[in-house]
């Protein structure tokens, strides 16, 4: 039979998993800069392709600038 500590641990694990899921879905960083209504890279000010914006919501750099920043 589970005691109160086991129950508390189970609740903690569920809450932690939910918090991690929310953090993964939240955009990281300030997002793109908008120039004439177009989402643009904060580094080079070139438009960010819609496929990247869809794949990485809230991204603030184009693929090329992101790769350069990561040293790839």
Protein backbone atom coordinates (compact mmCIF):
# COMPACT_ATOMS: atom_id res chain seq x y z
CA UNK A 1 0.00 0.00 0.00
CA UNK A 2 1.34 3.40 -1.05
CA UNK A 3 1.92 5.94 1.65
CA UNK A 4 1.67 9.73 1.46
CA UNK A 5 5.33 10.09 0.39
CA UNK A 6 4.85 7.74 -2.56
CA UNK A 7 1.77 9.70 -3.62
CA UNK A 8 3.61 13.01 -3.30
CA UNK A 9 6.48 11.67 -5.40
CA UNK A 10 4.09 10.51 -8.12
CA UNK A 11 2.41 13.92 -8.20
CA UNK A 12 5.79 15.65 -8.34
CA UNK A 13 6.86 13.52 -11.31
CA UNK A 14 3.64 14.33 -13.18
CA UNK A 15 3.95 18.05 -12.50
CA UNK A 16 7.60 18.06 -13.57
CA UNK A 17 6.77 16.25 -16.82
CA UNK A 18 3.99 18.75 -17.57
CA UNK A 19 6.30 21.70 -16.87
CA UNK A 20 8.98 20.28 -19.17
CA UNK A 21 6.41 19.77 -21.94
CA UNK A 22 5.22 23.38 -21.59
CA UNK A 23 8.82 24.65 -21.67
CA UNK A 24 9.55 22.70 -24.85
CA UNK A 25 6.52 24.22 -26.60
CA UNK A 26 7.29 27.78 -25.53
CA UNK A 27 9.29 29.82 -28.04
CA UNK A 28 12.81 30.44 -26.83
CA UNK A 29 14.10 33.96 -27.15
CA UNK A 30 12.64 37.11 -28.58
CA UNK A 31 11.51 35.69 -31.94
CA UNK A 32 12.06 37.19 -35.35
CA UNK A 33 12.11 40.87 -36.18
CA UNK A 34 9.31 41.93 -38.52
CA UNK A 35 10.21 44.12 -41.48
CA UNK A 36 7.25 45.23 -43.61
CA UNK A 37 5.20 42.45 -42.02
CA UNK A 38 7.71 39.73 -42.94
CA UNK A 39 9.49 37.65 -40.26
CA UNK A 40 13.20 38.33 -40.67
CA UNK A 41 16.42 37.10 -39.09
CA UNK A 42 17.66 39.22 -36.19
CA UNK A 43 21.25 38.76 -37.41
CA UNK A 44 21.17 39.36 -41.18
CA UNK A 45 17.65 40.86 -41.55
CA UNK A 46 16.86 38.43 -44.40
CA UNK A 47 13.39 36.80 -44.46
CA UNK A 48 13.08 33.52 -42.55
CA UNK A 49 11.42 30.84 -44.68
CA UNK A 50 7.93 29.79 -43.62
CA UNK A 51 8.98 26.14 -43.27
CA UNK A 52 11.57 27.11 -40.62
CA UNK A 53 9.07 29.32 -38.79
CA UNK A 54 6.62 26.42 -38.73
CA UNK A 55 9.24 23.86 -37.64
CA UNK A 56 10.84 26.11 -34.99
CA UNK A 57 8.16 28.46 -33.63
CA UNK A 58 9.64 31.68 -32.29
CA UNK A 59 13.00 31.24 -34.00
CA UNK A 60 14.89 34.51 -34.36
CA UNK A 61 17.51 33.54 -36.93
CA UNK A 62 17.50 32.09 -40.43
CA UNK A 63 18.98 28.63 -40.85
CA UNK A 64 22.32 29.93 -42.11
CA UNK A 65 22.83 32.35 -39.21
CA UNK A 66 21.72 29.72 -36.69
CA UNK A 67 24.21 27.20 -38.09
CA UNK A 68 26.97 29.82 -37.96
CA UNK A 69 26.07 30.69 -34.35
CA UNK A 70 26.20 27.01 -33.40
CA UNK A 71 29.54 26.57 -35.18
CA UNK A 72 28.19 23.94 -37.58
